[in-house]
PDB file of N, CA and C in Angstrom:
ATOM      1  N   MET A   1       0.814  -1.194   0.000  1.00  0.00           N
ATOM      2  CA  MET A   1       0.000   0.000   0.000  1.00  0.00           C
ATOM      3  C   MET A   1       0.857   1.256   0.000  1.00  0.00           C
ATOM      4  N   GLN A   2       2.006   1.192   0.659  1.00  0.00           N
ATOM      5  CA  GLN A   2       2.860   2.366   0.745  1.00  0.00           C
ATOM      6  C   GLN A   2       3.466   2.729  -0.601  1.00  0.00           C
ATOM      7  N   ILE A   3       3.641   1.761  -1.479  1.00  0.00           N
ATOM      8  CA  ILE A   3       4.218   2.067  -2.785  1.00  0.00           C
ATOM      9  C   ILE A   3       3.124   2.366  -3.815  1.00  0.00           C
ATOM     10  N   LEU A   4       1.891   1.953  -3.540  1.00  0.00           N
ATOM     11  CA  LEU A   4       0.799   2.148  -4.484  1.00  0.00           C
ATOM     12  C   LEU A   4       0.440   3.624  -4.661  1.00  0.00           C
ATOM     13  N   ILE A   5       0.354   4.363  -3.593  1.00  0.00           N
ATOM     14  CA  ILE A   5      -0.047   5.775  -3.671  1.00  0.00           C
ATOM     15  C   ILE A   5       0.985   6.615  -4.426  1.00  0.00           C
ATOM     16  N   PRO A   6       2.289   6.512  -4.118  1.00  0.00           N
ATOM     17  CA  PRO A   6       3.260   7.279  -4.914  1.00  0.00           C
ATOM     18  C   PRO A   6       3.293   6.855  -6.386  1.00  0.00           C
ATOM     19  N   ALA A   7       3.139   5.559  -6.642  1.00  0.00           N
ATOM     20  CA  ALA A   7       3.124   5.089  -8.036  1.00  0.00           C
ATOM     21  C   ALA A   7       1.907   5.647  -8.766  1.00  0.00           C
ATOM     22  N   TRP A   8       0.763   5.697  -8.089  1.00  0.00           N
ATOM     23  CA  TRP A   8      -0.465   6.239  -8.663  1.00  0.00           C
ATOM     24  C   TRP A   8      -0.272   7.719  -9.008  1.00  0.00           C
ATOM     25  N   LEU A   9       0.304   8.475  -8.092  1.00  0.00           N
ATOM     26  CA  LEU A   9       0.515   9.905  -8.324  1.00  0.00           C
ATOM     27  C   LEU A   9       1.543  10.157  -9.422  1.00  0.00           C
ATOM     28  N   ILE A  10       2.614   9.382  -9.441  1.00  0.00           N
ATOM     29  CA  ILE A  10       3.625   9.541 -10.494  1.00  0.00           C
ATOM     30  C   ILE A  10       3.026   9.209 -11.852  1.00  0.00           C
ATOM     31  N   GLY A  11       2.245   8.139 -11.920  1.00  0.00           N
ATOM     32  CA  GLY A  11       1.570   7.795 -13.178  1.00  0.00           C
ATOM     33  C   GLY A  11       0.605   8.880 -13.620  1.00  0.00           C
ATOM     34  N   SER A  12      -0.105   9.447 -12.669  1.00  0.00           N
ATOM     35  CA  SER A  12      -1.051  10.522 -12.989  1.00  0.00           C
ATOM     36  C   SER A  12      -0.323  11.758 -13.492  1.00  0.00           C
ATOM     37  N   ILE A  13       0.799  12.077 -12.892  1.00  0.00           N
ATOM     38  CA  ILE A  13       1.586  13.234 -13.340  1.00  0.00           C
ATOM     39  C   ILE A  13       2.143  12.994 -14.736  1.00  0.00           C
ATOM     40  N   LEU A  14       2.609  11.785 -15.012  1.00  0.00           N
ATOM     41  CA  LEU A  14       3.128  11.482 -16.350  1.00  0.00           C
ATOM     42  C   LEU A  14       2.043  11.618 -17.411  1.00  0.00           C
ATOM     43  N   VAL A  15       0.863  11.114 -17.124  1.00  0.00           N
ATOM     44  CA  VAL A  15      -0.255  11.253 -18.063  1.00  0.00           C
ATOM     45  C   VAL A  15      -0.601  12.720 -18.261  1.00  0.00           C
ATOM     46  N   ALA A  16      -0.595  13.480 -17.186  1.00  0.00           N
ATOM     47  CA  ALA A  16      -0.915  14.907 -17.265  1.00  0.00           C
ATOM     48  C   ALA A  16       0.123  15.665 -18.090  1.00  0.00           C
ATOM     49  N   VAL A  17       1.391  15.331 -17.927  1.00  0.00           N
ATOM     50  CA  VAL A  17       2.441  15.997 -18.711  1.00  0.00           C
ATOM     51  C   VAL A  17       2.272  15.676 -20.188  1.00  0.00           C
ATOM     52  N   LEU A  18       1.949  14.428 -20.507  1.00  0.00           N
ATOM     53  CA  LEU A  18       1.724  14.058 -21.906  1.00  0.00           C
ATOM     54  C   LEU A  18       0.495  14.747 -22.486  1.00  0.00           C
ATOM     55  N   GLY A  19      -0.480  15.041 -21.643  1.00  0.00           N
ATOM     56  CA  GLY A  19      -1.718  15.647 -22.120  1.00  0.00           C
ATOM     57  C   GLY A  19      -1.780  17.153 -22.010  1.00  0.00           C
ATOM     58  N   ARG A  20      -0.685  17.786 -21.679  1.00  0.00           N
ATOM     59  CA  ARG A  20      -0.736  19.234 -21.445  1.00  0.00           C
ATOM     60  C   ARG A  20      -1.093  20.036 -22.687  1.00  0.00           C
ATOM     61  N   ASN A  21      -0.853  19.514 -23.870  1.00  0.00           N
ATOM     62  CA  ASN A  21      -1.194  20.243 -25.098  1.00  0.00           C
ATOM     63  C   ASN A  21      -2.421  19.663 -25.787  1.00  0.00           C
ATOM     64  N   ARG A  22      -3.183  18.872 -25.073  1.00  0.00           N
ATOM     65  CA  ARG A  22      -4.389  18.275 -25.630  1.00  0.00           C
ATOM     66  C   ARG A  22      -5.621  19.015 -25.142  1.00  0.00           C
ATOM     67  N   ARG A  23      -6.755  18.488 -25.484  1.00  0.00           N
ATOM     68  CA  ARG A  23      -8.018  19.171 -25.248  1.00  0.00           C
ATOM     69  C   ARG A  23      -8.274  19.505 -23.776  1.00  0.00           C
ATOM     70  N   PHE A  24      -8.048  18.574 -22.859  1.00  0.00           N
ATOM     71  CA  PHE A  24      -8.346  18.808 -21.447  1.00  0.00           C
ATOM     72  C   PHE A  24      -7.197  19.443 -20.687  1.00  0.00           C
ATOM     73  N   GLY A  25      -6.025  19.468 -21.259  1.00  0.00           N
ATOM     74  CA  GLY A  25      -4.883  20.104 -20.620  1.00  0.00           C
ATOM     75  C   GLY A  25      -4.318  19.290 -19.464  1.00  0.00           C
ATOM     76  N   PHE A  26      -3.302  19.864 -18.831  1.00  0.00           N
ATOM     77  CA  PHE A  26      -2.593  19.184 -17.752  1.00  0.00           C
ATOM     78  C   PHE A  26      -3.534  18.795 -16.615  1.00  0.00           C
ATOM     79  N   TRP A  27      -4.270  19.771 -16.102  1.00  0.00           N
ATOM     80  CA  TRP A  27      -5.090  19.515 -14.914  1.00  0.00           C
ATOM     81  C   TRP A  27      -6.246  18.574 -15.198  1.00  0.00           C
ATOM     82  N   GLY A  28      -6.813  18.648 -16.371  1.00  0.00           N
ATOM     83  CA  GLY A  28      -7.906  17.735 -16.720  1.00  0.00           C
ATOM     84  C   GLY A  28      -7.460  16.287 -16.719  1.00  0.00           C
ATOM     85  N   TYR A  29      -6.324  16.025 -17.353  1.00  0.00           N
ATOM     86  CA  TYR A  29      -5.814  14.654 -17.390  1.00  0.00           C
ATOM     87  C   TYR A  29      -5.271  14.220 -16.029  1.00  0.00           C
ATOM     88  N   PHE A  30      -4.733  15.151 -15.275  1.00  0.00           N
ATOM     89  CA  PHE A  30      -4.240  14.801 -13.948  1.00  0.00           C
ATOM     90  C   PHE A  30      -5.387  14.348 -13.049  1.00  0.00           C
ATOM     91  N   PHE A  31      -6.447  15.147 -12.982  1.00  0.00           N
ATOM     92  CA  PHE A  31      -7.560  14.790 -12.110  1.00  0.00           C
ATOM     93  C   PHE A  31      -8.287  13.537 -12.607  1.00  0.00           C
ATOM     94  N   ALA A  32      -8.395  13.366 -13.915  1.00  0.00           N
ATOM     95  CA  ALA A  32      -9.006  12.143 -14.436  1.00  0.00           C
ATOM     96  C   ALA A  32      -8.174  10.929 -14.046  1.00  0.00           C
ATOM     97  N   SER A  33      -6.861  11.055 -14.112  1.00  0.00           N
ATOM     98  CA  SER A  33      -5.985   9.949 -13.753  1.00  0.00           C
ATOM     99  C   SER A  33      -6.017   9.662 -12.257  1.00  0.00           C
ATOM    100  N   VAL A  34      -6.098  10.690 -11.450  1.00  0.00           N
ATOM    101  CA  VAL A  34      -6.148  10.485 -10.003  1.00  0.00           C
ATOM    102  C   VAL A  34      -7.489   9.864  -9.603  1.00  0.00           C
ATOM    103  N   LEU A  35      -8.572  10.369 -10.157  1.00  0.00           N
ATOM    104  CA  LEU A  35      -9.892   9.876  -9.769  1.00  0.00           C
ATOM    105  C   LEU A  35     -10.191   8.489 -10.338  1.00  0.00           C
ATOM    106  N   LEU A  36      -9.754   8.217 -11.547  1.00  0.00           N
ATOM    107  CA  LEU A  36     -10.017   6.908 -12.161  1.00  0.00           C
ATOM    108  C   LEU A  36      -8.800   6.021 -11.923  1.00  0.00           C
ATOM    109  N   THR A  37      -7.911   5.969 -12.879  1.00  0.00           N
ATOM    110  CA  THR A  37      -6.595   5.322 -12.721  1.00  0.00           C
ATOM    111  C   THR A  37      -5.683   5.952 -13.764  1.00  0.00           C
ATOM    112  N   PRO A  38      -4.382   5.885 -13.580  1.00  0.00           N
ATOM    113  CA  PRO A  38      -3.490   6.391 -14.621  1.00  0.00           C
ATOM    114  C   PRO A  38      -3.658   5.661 -15.956  1.00  0.00           C
ATOM    115  N   ILE A  39      -4.034   4.400 -15.917  1.00  0.00           N
ATOM    116  CA  ILE A  39      -4.243   3.649 -17.164  1.00  0.00           C
ATOM    117  C   ILE A  39      -5.458   4.193 -17.912  1.00  0.00           C
ATOM    118  N   VAL A  40      -6.536   4.471 -17.204  1.00  0.00           N
ATOM    119  CA  VAL A  40      -7.716   5.061 -17.840  1.00  0.00           C
ATOM    120  C   VAL A  40      -7.388   6.466 -18.337  1.00  0.00           C
ATOM    121  N   GLY A  41      -6.606   7.211 -17.563  1.00  0.00           N
ATOM    122  CA  GLY A  41      -6.171   8.539 -18.010  1.00  0.00           C
ATOM    123  C   GLY A  41      -5.363   8.456 -19.298  1.00  0.00           C
ATOM    124  N   LEU A  42      -4.514   7.452 -19.405  1.00  0.00           N
ATOM    125  CA  LEU A  42      -3.730   7.262 -20.627  1.00  0.00           C
ATOM    126  C   LEU A  42      -4.630   6.905 -21.800  1.00  0.00           C
ATOM    127  N   LEU A  43      -5.623   6.076 -21.563  1.00  0.00           N
ATOM    128  CA  LEU A  43      -6.580   5.748 -22.630  1.00  0.00           C
ATOM    129  C   LEU A  43      -7.364   6.983 -23.071  1.00  0.00           C
ATOM    130  N   LEU A  44      -7.740   7.829 -22.122  1.00  0.00           N
ATOM    131  CA  LEU A  44      -8.408   9.089 -22.470  1.00  0.00           C
ATOM    132  C   LEU A  44      -7.488   9.969 -23.310  1.00  0.00           C
ATOM    133  N   LEU A  45      -6.223   9.999 -22.936  1.00  0.00           N
ATOM    134  CA  LEU A  45      -5.245  10.794 -23.668  1.00  0.00           C
ATOM    135  C   LEU A  45      -5.084  10.287 -25.095  1.00  0.00           C
ATOM    136  N   LEU A  46      -5.006   8.977 -25.255  1.00  0.00           N
ATOM    137  CA  LEU A  46      -4.846   8.403 -26.587  1.00  0.00           C
ATOM    138  C   LEU A  46      -6.076   8.622 -27.459  1.00  0.00           C
ATOM    139  N   ALA A  47      -7.248   8.710 -26.848  1.00  0.00           N
ATOM    140  CA  ALA A  47      -8.484   8.917 -27.587  1.00  0.00           C
ATOM    141  C   ALA A  47      -8.810  10.393 -27.799  1.00  0.00           C
ATOM    142  N   ALA A  48      -8.020  11.283 -27.217  1.00  0.00           N
ATOM    143  CA  ALA A  48      -8.315  12.717 -27.272  1.00  0.00           C
ATOM    144  C   ALA A  48      -8.123  13.272 -28.676  1.00  0.00           C
ATOM    145  N   ILE A  49      -8.946  14.229 -28.989  1.00  0.00           N
ATOM    146  CA  ILE A  49      -8.825  14.937 -30.259  1.00  0.00           C
ATOM    147  C   ILE A  49      -7.672  15.928 -30.134  1.00  0.00           C
ATOM    148  N   PRO A  50      -6.742  15.907 -31.096  1.00  0.00           N
ATOM    149  CA  PRO A  50      -5.630  16.857 -31.008  1.00  0.00           C
ATOM    150  C   PRO A  50      -6.116  18.297 -31.151  1.00  0.00           C
ATOM    151  N   THR A  51      -5.382  19.214 -30.558  1.00  0.00           N
ATOM    152  CA  THR A  51      -5.726  20.629 -30.674  1.00  0.00           C
ATOM    153  C   THR A  51      -5.319  21.149 -32.045  1.00  0.00           C
ATOM    154  N   LYS A  52      -5.741  22.356 -32.354  1.00  0.00           N
ATOM    155  CA  LYS A  52      -5.379  22.954 -33.640  1.00  0.00           C
ATOM    156  C   LYS A  52      -3.875  23.131 -33.763  1.00  0.00           C
ATOM    157  N   ALA A  53      -3.205  23.413 -32.660  1.00  0.00           N
ATOM    158  CA  ALA A  53      -1.753  23.577 -32.686  1.00  0.00           C
ATOM    159  C   ALA A  53      -1.079  22.260 -33.047  1.00  0.00           C
ATOM    160  N   ASP A  54      -1.588  21.145 -32.521  1.00  0.00           N
ATOM    161  CA  ASP A  54      -1.027  19.837 -32.866  1.00  0.00           C
ATOM    162  C   ASP A  54      -1.226  19.527 -34.344  1.00  0.00           C
ATOM    163  N   LEU A  55      -2.408  19.849 -34.852  1.00  0.00           N
ATOM    164  CA  LEU A  55      -2.676  19.606 -36.264  1.00  0.00           C
ATOM    165  C   LEU A  55      -1.787  20.476 -37.153  1.00  0.00           C
ATOM    166  N   ALA A  56      -1.604  21.739 -36.777  1.00  0.00           N
ATOM    167  CA  ALA A  56      -0.746  22.632 -37.556  1.00  0.00           C
ATOM    168  C   ALA A  56       0.696  22.137 -37.540  1.00  0.00           C
ATOM    169  N   LYS A  57       1.150  21.637 -36.420  1.00  0.00           N
ATOM    170  CA  LYS A  57       2.506  21.097 -36.318  1.00  0.00           C
ATOM    171  C   LYS A  57       2.670  19.882 -37.229  1.00  0.00           C
ATOM    172  N   ALA A  58       1.657  19.025 -37.270  1.00  0.00           N
ATOM    173  CA  ALA A  58       1.715  17.852 -38.130  1.00  0.00           C
ATOM    174  C   ALA A  58       1.743  18.251 -39.607  1.00  0.00           C
ATOM    175  N   VAL A  59       0.993  19.281 -39.963  1.00  0.00           N
ATOM    176  CA  VAL A  59       0.974  19.759 -41.348  1.00  0.00           C
ATOM    177  C   VAL A  59       2.340  20.328 -41.729  1.00  0.00           C
ATOM    178  N   ARG A  60       2.950  21.119 -40.839  1.00  0.00           N
ATOM    179  CA  ARG A  60       4.281  21.674 -41.130  1.00  0.00           C
ATOM    180  C   ARG A  60       5.321  20.568 -41.299  1.00  0.00           C
ATOM    181  N   LYS A  61       5.227  19.548 -40.476  1.00  0.00           N
ATOM    182  CA  LYS A  61       6.167  18.435 -40.565  1.00  0.00           C
ATOM    183  C   LYS A  61       5.991  17.698 -41.893  1.00  0.00           C
ATOM    184  N   ALA A  62       4.745  17.498 -42.302  1.00  0.00           N
ATOM    185  CA  ALA A  62       4.480  16.827 -43.571  1.00  0.00           C
ATOM    186  C   ALA A  62       4.975  17.667 -44.747  1.00  0.00           C
ATOM    187  N   GLN A  63       4.823  18.978 -44.663  1.00  0.00           N
ATOM    188  CA  GLN A  63       5.308  19.851 -45.733  1.00  0.00           C
ATOM    189  C   GLN A  63       6.824  19.802 -45.842  1.00  0.00           C
ATOM    190  N   LYS A  64       7.522  19.782 -44.715  1.00  0.00           N
ATOM    191  CA  LYS A  64       8.982  19.670 -44.741  1.00  0.00           C
ATOM    192  C   LYS A  64       9.416  18.370 -45.362  1.00  0.00           C
ATOM    193  N   THR A  65       8.719  17.293 -45.032  1.00  0.00           N
ATOM    194  CA  THR A  65       9.049  15.980 -45.593  1.00  0.00           C
ATOM    195  C   THR A  65       8.841  15.974 -47.097  1.00  0.00           C
ATOM    196  N   GLN A  66       7.768  16.604 -47.557  1.00  0.00           N
ATOM    197  CA  GLN A  66       7.486  16.669 -48.984  1.00  0.00           C
ATOM    198  C   GLN A  66       8.548  17.491 -49.718  1.00  0.00           C
ATOM    199  N   LYS A  67       8.992  18.590 -49.109  1.00  0.00           N
ATOM    200  CA  LYS A  67      10.031  19.418 -49.730  1.00  0.00           C
ATOM    201  C   LYS A  67      11.344  18.664 -49.845  1.00  0.00           C
ATOM    202  N   LYS A  68      11.694  17.913 -48.803  1.00  0.00           N
ATOM    203  CA  LYS A  68      12.923  17.125 -48.846  1.00  0.00           C
ATOM    204  C   LYS A  68      12.842  16.044 -49.906  1.00  0.00           C
ATOM    205  N   ALA A  69      11.666  15.420 -50.035  1.00  0.00           N
ATOM    206  CA  ALA A  69      11.486  14.373 -51.033  1.00  0.00           C
ATOM    207  C   ALA A  69      11.546  14.946 -52.444  1.00  0.00           C
ATOM    208  N   ALA A  70      11.036  16.166 -52.632  1.00  0.00           N
ATOM    209  CA  ALA A  70      11.051  16.796 -53.953  1.00  0.00           C
ATOM    210  C   ALA A  70      12.446  17.197 -54.380  1.00  0.00           C
ATOM    211  N   LYS A  71      13.314  17.524 -53.414  1.00  0.00           N
ATOM    212  CA  LYS A  71      14.682  17.933 -53.733  1.00  0.00           C
ATOM    213  C   LYS A  71      15.541  16.752 -54.182  1.00  0.00           C
ATOM    214  N   THR A  72      15.213  15.565 -53.724  1.00  0.00           N
ATOM    215  CA  THR A  72      16.038  14.403 -54.082  1.00  0.00           C
ATOM    216  C   THR A  72      15.538  13.670 -55.271  1.00  0.00           C
TER     217      THR A  72
END
């Protein structure tokens, strides 16, 4: 029991850090992970809709890849 609580909190913090740029943000994923479980929080994170900033970043990355491919 003594190791379960710190492991739960560390897992919740890790999920929250991964979700800081997603729809619910750091605190949303942190509280979901604490109240449910870090595993459920991770599943919520994986199912989350990316923000517009994430989509724009993906588009820029794809454009760079296309430019590099066109040069070769």
